[in-house]
Amino acid sequence: MPTATDNFFERVYQVARLIPEGKVTSYGAIARYLGVAKSARMVGWAMNGSKAKDVPAHRVVNKKGLLTGKHHFEGTNLMQQLLENEGVEIIDNQIQNLTNCFWDPTTELR
């Protein structure tokens, strides 16, 4: 669990590392969990800088289930491939059945 002494990006990474395989969450859901509901964009910036930090950034999408961060992954469809390898269905860069695979840290990490 994130602590008050961790910097913001590290707190985001700690939450993202808890997202189970085959599940996704949103930038906004992580921001709400961290108590900064209007900082979804900052969560996105943290995800952009998460390479080499053992963070499953591919599991963080926008609130509609769109793979908005896919251009930060190497290769054309790496984000999609990683999610599909975990059983997440994606059509036209959007997660299908988002409700079924959405992981909300606010309810899951009480």
N, C-alpha and C. Protein backbone atom coordinates (compact mmCIF):
# COMPACT_ATOMS: atom_id res chain seq x y z
N MET A 1 0.83 -1.18 0.00
CA MET A 1 0.00 0.00 0.00
C MET A 1 0.88 1.25 0.00
N PRO A 2 0.47 2.26 -0.72
CA PRO A 2 1.24 3.50 -0.75
C PRO A 2 1.22 4.19 0.61
N THR A 3 2.29 4.87 0.94
CA THR A 3 2.35 5.64 2.18
C THR A 3 2.55 7.11 1.84
N ALA A 4 2.31 7.96 2.81
CA ALA A 4 2.41 9.41 2.59
C ALA A 4 3.83 9.84 2.26
N THR A 5 4.81 9.05 2.63
CA THR A 5 6.20 9.45 2.38
C THR A 5 6.66 9.11 0.97
N ASP A 6 5.92 8.29 0.25
CA ASP A 6 6.29 7.94 -1.13
C ASP A 6 5.98 9.11 -2.05
N ASN A 7 6.80 9.29 -3.09
CA ASN A 7 6.46 10.32 -4.05
C ASN A 7 5.26 9.87 -4.88
N PHE A 8 4.61 10.79 -5.55
CA PHE A 8 3.36 10.48 -6.26
C PHE A 8 3.53 9.36 -7.27
N PHE A 9 4.55 9.43 -8.12
CA PHE A 9 4.73 8.41 -9.14
C PHE A 9 4.92 7.04 -8.49
N GLU A 10 5.70 6.97 -7.43
CA GLU A 10 5.92 5.67 -6.77
C GLU A 10 4.62 5.16 -6.16
N ARG A 11 3.79 6.03 -5.65
CA ARG A 11 2.49 5.61 -5.11
C ARG A 11 1.62 5.05 -6.23
N VAL A 12 1.64 5.68 -7.40
CA VAL A 12 0.91 5.17 -8.57
C VAL A 12 1.44 3.79 -8.94
N TYR A 13 2.76 3.63 -8.98
CA TYR A 13 3.35 2.34 -9.35
C TYR A 13 2.97 1.25 -8.36
N GLN A 14 2.93 1.59 -7.09
CA GLN A 14 2.56 0.60 -6.08
C GLN A 14 1.13 0.09 -6.30
N VAL A 15 0.23 0.98 -6.64
CA VAL A 15 -1.16 0.57 -6.92
C VAL A 15 -1.20 -0.26 -8.20
N ALA A 16 -0.54 0.21 -9.24
CA ALA A 16 -0.57 -0.50 -10.52
C ALA A 16 0.00 -1.91 -10.40
N ARG A 17 0.98 -2.10 -9.55
CA ARG A 17 1.56 -3.44 -9.37
C ARG A 17 0.58 -4.42 -8.74
N LEU A 18 -0.49 -3.90 -8.15
CA LEU A 18 -1.49 -4.75 -7.50
C LEU A 18 -2.62 -5.17 -8.44
N ILE A 19 -2.68 -4.61 -9.64
CA ILE A 19 -3.74 -4.95 -10.58
C ILE A 19 -3.54 -6.41 -10.99
N PRO A 20 -4.53 -7.26 -10.76
CA PRO A 20 -4.38 -8.67 -11.10
C PRO A 20 -4.30 -8.91 -12.62
N GLU A 21 -3.65 -9.97 -12.98
CA GLU A 21 -3.59 -10.37 -14.39
C GLU A 21 -5.00 -10.57 -14.91
N GLY A 22 -5.26 -10.08 -16.12
CA GLY A 22 -6.59 -10.21 -16.72
C GLY A 22 -7.56 -9.13 -16.31
N LYS A 23 -7.10 -8.19 -15.50
CA LYS A 23 -7.93 -7.07 -15.05
C LYS A 23 -7.29 -5.76 -15.52
N VAL A 24 -8.09 -4.72 -15.58
CA VAL A 24 -7.60 -3.38 -15.91
C VAL A 24 -8.21 -2.38 -14.96
N THR A 25 -7.58 -1.24 -14.87
CA THR A 25 -8.16 -0.12 -14.13
C THR A 25 -7.92 1.13 -14.95
N SER A 26 -8.42 2.24 -14.46
CA SER A 26 -8.27 3.50 -15.21
C SER A 26 -7.34 4.45 -14.47
N TYR A 27 -6.86 5.43 -15.22
CA TYR A 27 -6.03 6.48 -14.63
C TYR A 27 -6.81 7.17 -13.50
N GLY A 28 -8.08 7.45 -13.77
CA GLY A 28 -8.91 8.13 -12.78
C GLY A 28 -9.17 7.30 -11.54
N ALA A 29 -9.32 5.99 -11.69
CA ALA A 29 -9.56 5.12 -10.54
C ALA A 29 -8.34 5.12 -9.62
N ILE A 30 -7.16 5.10 -10.20
CA ILE A 30 -5.94 5.15 -9.38
C ILE A 30 -5.86 6.51 -8.68
N ALA A 31 -6.14 7.58 -9.41
CA ALA A 31 -6.11 8.92 -8.81
C ALA A 31 -7.10 9.02 -7.65
N ARG A 32 -8.32 8.53 -7.83
CA ARG A 32 -9.32 8.56 -6.76
C ARG A 32 -8.82 7.79 -5.54
N TYR A 33 -8.27 6.61 -5.78
CA TYR A 33 -7.76 5.80 -4.67
C TYR A 33 -6.68 6.55 -3.89
N LEU A 34 -5.85 7.28 -4.60
CA LEU A 34 -4.76 8.01 -3.95
C LEU A 34 -5.22 9.33 -3.33
N GLY A 35 -6.52 9.65 -3.48
CA GLY A 35 -7.06 10.84 -2.86
C GLY A 35 -6.85 12.11 -3.66
N VAL A 36 -6.55 11.96 -4.94
CA VAL A 36 -6.34 13.11 -5.81
C VAL A 36 -7.17 12.91 -7.08
N ALA A 37 -8.47 12.89 -6.92
CA ALA A 37 -9.39 12.50 -7.98
C ALA A 37 -9.20 13.27 -9.29
N LYS A 38 -8.72 14.48 -9.23
CA LYS A 38 -8.57 15.28 -10.45
C LYS A 38 -7.19 15.14 -11.08
N SER A 39 -6.45 14.13 -10.68
CA SER A 39 -5.08 13.97 -11.16
C SER A 39 -4.90 12.76 -12.08
N ALA A 40 -5.94 12.39 -12.80
CA ALA A 40 -5.84 11.25 -13.72
C ALA A 40 -4.72 11.46 -14.73
N ARG A 41 -4.56 12.67 -15.20
CA ARG A 41 -3.50 12.95 -16.18
C ARG A 41 -2.12 12.71 -15.58
N MET A 42 -1.95 13.06 -14.31
CA MET A 42 -0.66 12.80 -13.64
C MET A 42 -0.40 11.30 -13.53
N VAL A 43 -1.46 10.53 -13.31
CA VAL A 43 -1.32 9.07 -13.28
C VAL A 43 -0.84 8.60 -14.65
N GLY A 44 -1.38 9.18 -15.71
CA GLY A 44 -0.94 8.85 -17.06
C GLY A 44 0.53 9.15 -17.27
N TRP A 45 0.98 10.29 -16.76
CA TRP A 45 2.39 10.64 -16.89
C TRP A 45 3.25 9.64 -16.12
N ALA A 46 2.76 9.22 -14.96
CA ALA A 46 3.50 8.21 -14.20
C ALA A 46 3.61 6.92 -14.99
N MET A 47 2.51 6.51 -15.62
CA MET A 47 2.54 5.29 -16.42
C MET A 47 3.53 5.43 -17.58
N ASN A 48 3.59 6.60 -18.18
CA ASN A 48 4.53 6.83 -19.28
C ASN A 48 5.97 6.66 -18.83
N GLY A 49 6.24 6.95 -17.57
CA GLY A 49 7.59 6.85 -17.04
C GLY A 49 7.86 5.57 -16.29
N SER A 50 7.01 4.58 -16.46
CA SER A 50 7.13 3.36 -15.64
C SER A 50 8.00 2.27 -16.24
N LYS A 51 8.55 2.50 -17.42
CA LYS A 51 9.41 1.47 -18.02
C LYS A 51 10.56 1.15 -17.07
N ALA A 52 10.94 -0.09 -17.03
CA ALA A 52 12.05 -0.56 -16.19
C ALA A 52 11.74 -0.46 -14.71
N LYS A 53 10.48 -0.31 -14.34
CA LYS A 53 10.12 -0.25 -12.93
C LYS A 53 9.21 -1.41 -12.54
N ASP A 54 9.12 -2.42 -13.39
CA ASP A 54 8.32 -3.61 -13.09
C ASP A 54 6.86 -3.23 -12.78
N VAL A 55 6.30 -2.39 -13.63
CA VAL A 55 4.92 -1.93 -13.46
C VAL A 55 4.11 -2.42 -14.66
N PRO A 56 2.98 -3.10 -14.41
CA PRO A 56 2.14 -3.56 -15.53
C PRO A 56 1.29 -2.42 -16.09
N ALA A 57 1.95 -1.45 -16.71
CA ALA A 57 1.28 -0.26 -17.22
C ALA A 57 0.24 -0.60 -18.28
N HIS A 58 0.38 -1.75 -18.92
CA HIS A 58 -0.60 -2.13 -19.95
C HIS A 58 -1.98 -2.35 -19.35
N ARG A 59 -2.08 -2.50 -18.05
CA ARG A 59 -3.36 -2.74 -17.39
C ARG A 59 -4.06 -1.45 -16.97
N VAL A 60 -3.51 -0.31 -17.35
CA VAL A 60 -4.12 0.98 -17.00
C VAL A 60 -4.58 1.64 -18.30
N VAL A 61 -5.89 1.90 -18.37
CA VAL A 61 -6.52 2.43 -19.59
C VAL A 61 -7.35 3.66 -19.23
N ASN A 62 -7.98 4.28 -20.21
CA ASN A 62 -8.83 5.42 -19.87
C ASN A 62 -10.18 4.92 -19.37
N LYS A 63 -11.01 5.84 -18.91
CA LYS A 63 -12.27 5.45 -18.26
C LYS A 63 -13.25 4.73 -19.18
N LYS A 64 -13.07 4.86 -20.49
CA LYS A 64 -13.93 4.16 -21.44
C LYS A 64 -13.34 2.83 -21.90
N GLY A 65 -12.17 2.50 -21.37
CA GLY A 65 -11.52 1.25 -21.76
C GLY A 65 -10.68 1.36 -23.02
N LEU A 66 -10.39 2.58 -23.43
CA LEU A 66 -9.56 2.78 -24.62
C LEU A 66 -8.08 2.67 -24.26
N LEU A 67 -7.31 2.10 -25.16
CA LEU A 67 -5.87 1.92 -24.96
C LEU A 67 -5.15 3.22 -25.33
N THR A 68 -5.42 4.27 -24.60
CA THR A 68 -4.88 5.58 -24.93
C THR A 68 -3.37 5.66 -24.72
N GLY A 69 -2.80 4.78 -23.92
CA GLY A 69 -1.36 4.81 -23.68
C GLY A 69 -0.57 3.90 -24.59
N LYS A 70 -1.21 3.32 -25.58
CA LYS A 70 -0.55 2.30 -26.40
C LYS A 70 0.66 2.82 -27.15
N HIS A 71 0.68 4.10 -27.48
CA HIS A 71 1.82 4.64 -28.23
C HIS A 71 3.08 4.75 -27.37
N HIS A 72 2.98 4.50 -26.07
CA HIS A 72 4.15 4.52 -25.20
C HIS A 72 4.79 3.15 -25.06
N PHE A 73 4.22 2.16 -25.73
CA PHE A 73 4.77 0.81 -25.71
C PHE A 73 5.53 0.56 -27.01
N GLU A 74 6.61 -0.19 -26.91
CA GLU A 74 7.36 -0.53 -28.11
C GLU A 74 6.52 -1.42 -29.00
N GLY A 75 6.67 -1.29 -30.28
CA GLY A 75 5.90 -2.10 -31.21
C GLY A 75 4.54 -1.49 -31.47
N THR A 76 3.91 -1.96 -32.51
CA THR A 76 2.65 -1.38 -32.94
C THR A 76 1.50 -1.68 -31.99
N ASN A 77 1.39 -2.92 -31.54
CA ASN A 77 0.25 -3.33 -30.73
C ASN A 77 0.65 -4.03 -29.45
N LEU A 78 1.80 -3.68 -28.87
CA LEU A 78 2.28 -4.40 -27.70
C LEU A 78 1.30 -4.33 -26.53
N MET A 79 0.75 -3.17 -26.25
CA MET A 79 -0.20 -3.04 -25.14
C MET A 79 -1.38 -3.99 -25.34
N GLN A 80 -1.92 -3.99 -26.54
CA GLN A 80 -3.04 -4.87 -26.85
C GLN A 80 -2.64 -6.34 -26.73
N GLN A 81 -1.47 -6.68 -27.23
CA GLN A 81 -1.01 -8.07 -27.18
C GLN A 81 -0.85 -8.53 -25.73
N LEU A 82 -0.28 -7.68 -24.89
CA LEU A 82 -0.11 -8.04 -23.48
C LEU A 82 -1.45 -8.29 -22.81
N LEU A 83 -2.42 -7.42 -23.07
CA LEU A 83 -3.75 -7.60 -22.49
C LEU A 83 -4.44 -8.85 -23.04
N GLU A 84 -4.35 -9.05 -24.33
CA GLU A 84 -4.98 -10.23 -24.93
C GLU A 84 -4.35 -11.52 -24.40
N ASN A 85 -3.04 -11.51 -24.14
CA ASN A 85 -2.38 -12.68 -23.56
C ASN A 85 -2.91 -12.99 -22.16
N GLU A 86 -3.51 -11.99 -21.52
CA GLU A 86 -4.10 -12.18 -20.20
C GLU A 86 -5.60 -12.47 -20.28
N GLY A 87 -6.12 -12.58 -21.49
CA GLY A 87 -7.52 -12.93 -21.66
C GLY A 87 -8.47 -11.76 -21.82
N VAL A 88 -7.94 -10.56 -21.96
CA VAL A 88 -8.78 -9.36 -22.13
C VAL A 88 -9.09 -9.20 -23.61
N GLU A 89 -10.37 -9.07 -23.93
CA GLU A 89 -10.79 -8.92 -25.32
C GLU A 89 -10.77 -7.45 -25.72
N ILE A 90 -10.14 -7.18 -26.87
CA ILE A 90 -10.01 -5.81 -27.36
C ILE A 90 -10.41 -5.76 -28.83
N ILE A 91 -11.25 -4.80 -29.15
CA ILE A 91 -11.66 -4.56 -30.54
C ILE A 91 -11.50 -3.06 -30.79
N ASP A 92 -10.82 -2.71 -31.86
CA ASP A 92 -10.60 -1.31 -32.23
C ASP A 92 -10.04 -0.48 -31.07
N ASN A 93 -9.01 -1.02 -30.43
CA ASN A 93 -8.31 -0.34 -29.33
C ASN A 93 -9.19 -0.08 -28.12
N GLN A 94 -10.27 -0.84 -27.96
CA GLN A 94 -11.15 -0.66 -26.80
C GLN A 94 -11.44 -2.01 -26.16
N ILE A 95 -11.35 -2.03 -24.84
CA ILE A 95 -11.62 -3.24 -24.09
C ILE A 95 -13.11 -3.54 -24.17
N GLN A 96 -13.42 -4.79 -24.47
CA GLN A 96 -14.80 -5.25 -24.51
C GLN A 96 -15.17 -5.75 -23.11
N ASN A 97 -16.40 -5.61 -22.73
CA ASN A 97 -16.87 -6.04 -21.40
C ASN A 97 -16.03 -5.43 -20.29
N LEU A 98 -15.81 -4.13 -20.38
CA LEU A 98 -14.99 -3.42 -19.40
C LEU A 98 -15.48 -3.67 -17.97
N THR A 99 -16.78 -3.72 -17.79
CA THR A 99 -17.33 -3.94 -16.46
C THR A 99 -16.82 -5.24 -15.85
N ASN A 100 -16.70 -6.27 -16.68
CA ASN A 100 -16.28 -7.58 -16.17
C ASN A 100 -14.80 -7.66 -15.81
N CYS A 101 -13.98 -6.87 -16.47
CA CYS A 101 -12.55 -6.97 -16.18
C CYS A 101 -12.00 -5.73 -15.46
N PHE A 102 -12.89 -4.81 -15.04
CA PHE A 102 -12.43 -3.60 -14.36
C PHE A 102 -12.11 -3.89 -12.91
N TRP A 103 -10.96 -3.43 -12.49
CA TRP A 103 -10.48 -3.57 -11.11
C TRP A 103 -10.42 -2.19 -10.51
N ASP A 104 -11.21 -1.94 -9.47
CA ASP A 104 -11.26 -0.63 -8.83
C ASP A 104 -10.50 -0.67 -7.52
N PRO A 105 -9.34 0.00 -7.45
CA PRO A 105 -8.56 -0.07 -6.23
C PRO A 105 -9.29 0.47 -5.01
N THR A 106 -10.24 1.37 -5.19
CA THR A 106 -10.97 1.92 -4.06
C THR A 106 -11.78 0.85 -3.34
N THR A 107 -12.32 -0.09 -4.09
CA THR A 107 -13.10 -1.17 -3.46
C THR A 107 -12.24 -2.40 -3.19
N GLU A 108 -11.23 -2.64 -4.01
CA GLU A 108 -10.42 -3.85 -3.86
C GLU A 108 -9.34 -3.73 -2.78
N LEU A 109 -8.91 -2.51 -2.47
CA LEU A 109 -7.82 -2.31 -1.52
C LEU A 109 -8.27 -1.60 -0.26
N ARG A 110 -9.30 -2.05 0.31
CA ARG A 110 -9.80 -1.40 1.54
C ARG A 110 -8.93 -1.71 2.72
